[in-house]
Amino acid sequence: MVEISINQIFCKKCGICAYVCPRQVYQFNELEGPQVVKPDDCIFCDLCIMMCPDMAIEIRKAGKE
């Protein structure tokens, strides 16, 4: 399991994260910006994090504690 969070205060809704994601984890529309629609498809490539100009994305592996 994975937890993906987008800081809506930092995000300027550019859509880069949705464009670079090889697994189409994000869905983008111009009014709402990026939305995480398939978090379980994330392969932790970190492309979205590296390409985000606003550093608005955080990805964590969710595990049992």
Protein backbone atom coordinates (compact mmCIF):
# COMPACT_ATOMS: atom_id res chain seq x y z
CA MET A 1 0.00 0.00 0.00
CA VAL A 2 1.08 3.55 -0.65
CA GLU A 3 0.03 6.97 0.59
CA ILE A 4 0.38 9.80 -1.91
CA SER A 5 -0.35 13.31 -0.77
CA ILE A 6 -0.43 16.52 -2.77
CA ASN A 7 -0.01 19.72 -0.82
CA GLN A 8 -2.75 21.88 -2.38
CA ILE A 9 -1.21 25.04 -0.93
CA PHE A 10 2.07 24.48 -2.81
CA CYS A 11 0.60 22.91 -5.98
CA LYS A 12 0.09 25.35 -8.85
CA LYS A 13 -1.84 22.76 -10.90
CA CYS A 14 0.67 22.49 -13.74
CA GLY A 15 -0.11 18.80 -14.46
CA ILE A 16 3.50 17.68 -14.75
CA CYS A 17 2.98 14.87 -12.22
CA ALA A 18 0.15 13.38 -14.28
CA TYR A 19 2.17 13.75 -17.48
CA VAL A 20 5.34 12.02 -16.24
CA CYS A 21 3.72 9.19 -14.25
CA PRO A 22 4.34 5.92 -16.13
CA ARG A 23 1.47 4.15 -14.30
CA GLN A 24 -1.16 6.94 -14.62
CA VAL A 25 -1.59 7.21 -10.88
CA TYR A 26 -2.81 10.81 -11.26
CA GLN A 27 -5.74 12.26 -13.10
CA PHE A 28 -5.58 15.94 -14.00
CA ASN A 29 -8.12 18.61 -14.77
CA GLU A 30 -7.49 22.33 -14.95
CA LEU A 31 -9.99 23.32 -12.25
CA GLU A 32 -9.08 20.84 -9.51
CA GLY A 33 -5.49 20.07 -10.47
CA PRO A 34 -4.00 16.60 -10.00
CA GLN A 35 -5.95 13.94 -8.15
CA VAL A 36 -4.56 10.60 -6.98
CA VAL A 37 -6.84 8.02 -8.62
CA LYS A 38 -4.76 4.81 -8.58
CA PRO A 39 -2.36 4.93 -5.61
CA ASP A 40 -1.87 1.15 -5.58
CA ASP A 41 -0.42 1.33 -9.10
CA CYS A 42 2.48 3.51 -7.89
CA ILE A 43 5.88 1.85 -8.43
CA PHE A 44 7.87 4.39 -6.36
CA CYS A 45 9.83 5.67 -9.35
CA ASP A 46 9.64 9.18 -7.81
CA LEU A 47 9.37 10.89 -11.21
CA CYS A 48 6.45 12.96 -10.00
CA ILE A 49 8.42 14.12 -6.96
CA MET A 50 11.54 14.92 -8.99
CA MET A 51 9.66 16.81 -11.69
CA CYS A 52 7.26 18.77 -9.46
CA PRO A 53 8.44 22.40 -9.56
CA ASP A 54 6.60 23.15 -6.31
CA MET A 55 7.77 20.14 -4.25
CA ALA A 56 4.10 19.50 -3.49
CA ILE A 57 4.07 15.67 -3.64
CA GLU A 58 4.91 13.22 -0.90
CA ILE A 59 4.86 9.43 -1.27
CA ARG A 60 5.05 7.04 1.66
CA LYS A 61 4.82 3.29 1.85
CA ALA A 62 1.96 2.48 4.18
CA GLY A 63 2.62 -0.50 6.36
CA LYS A 64 1.41 -2.24 9.43
CA GLU A 65 2.78 -0.88 12.66
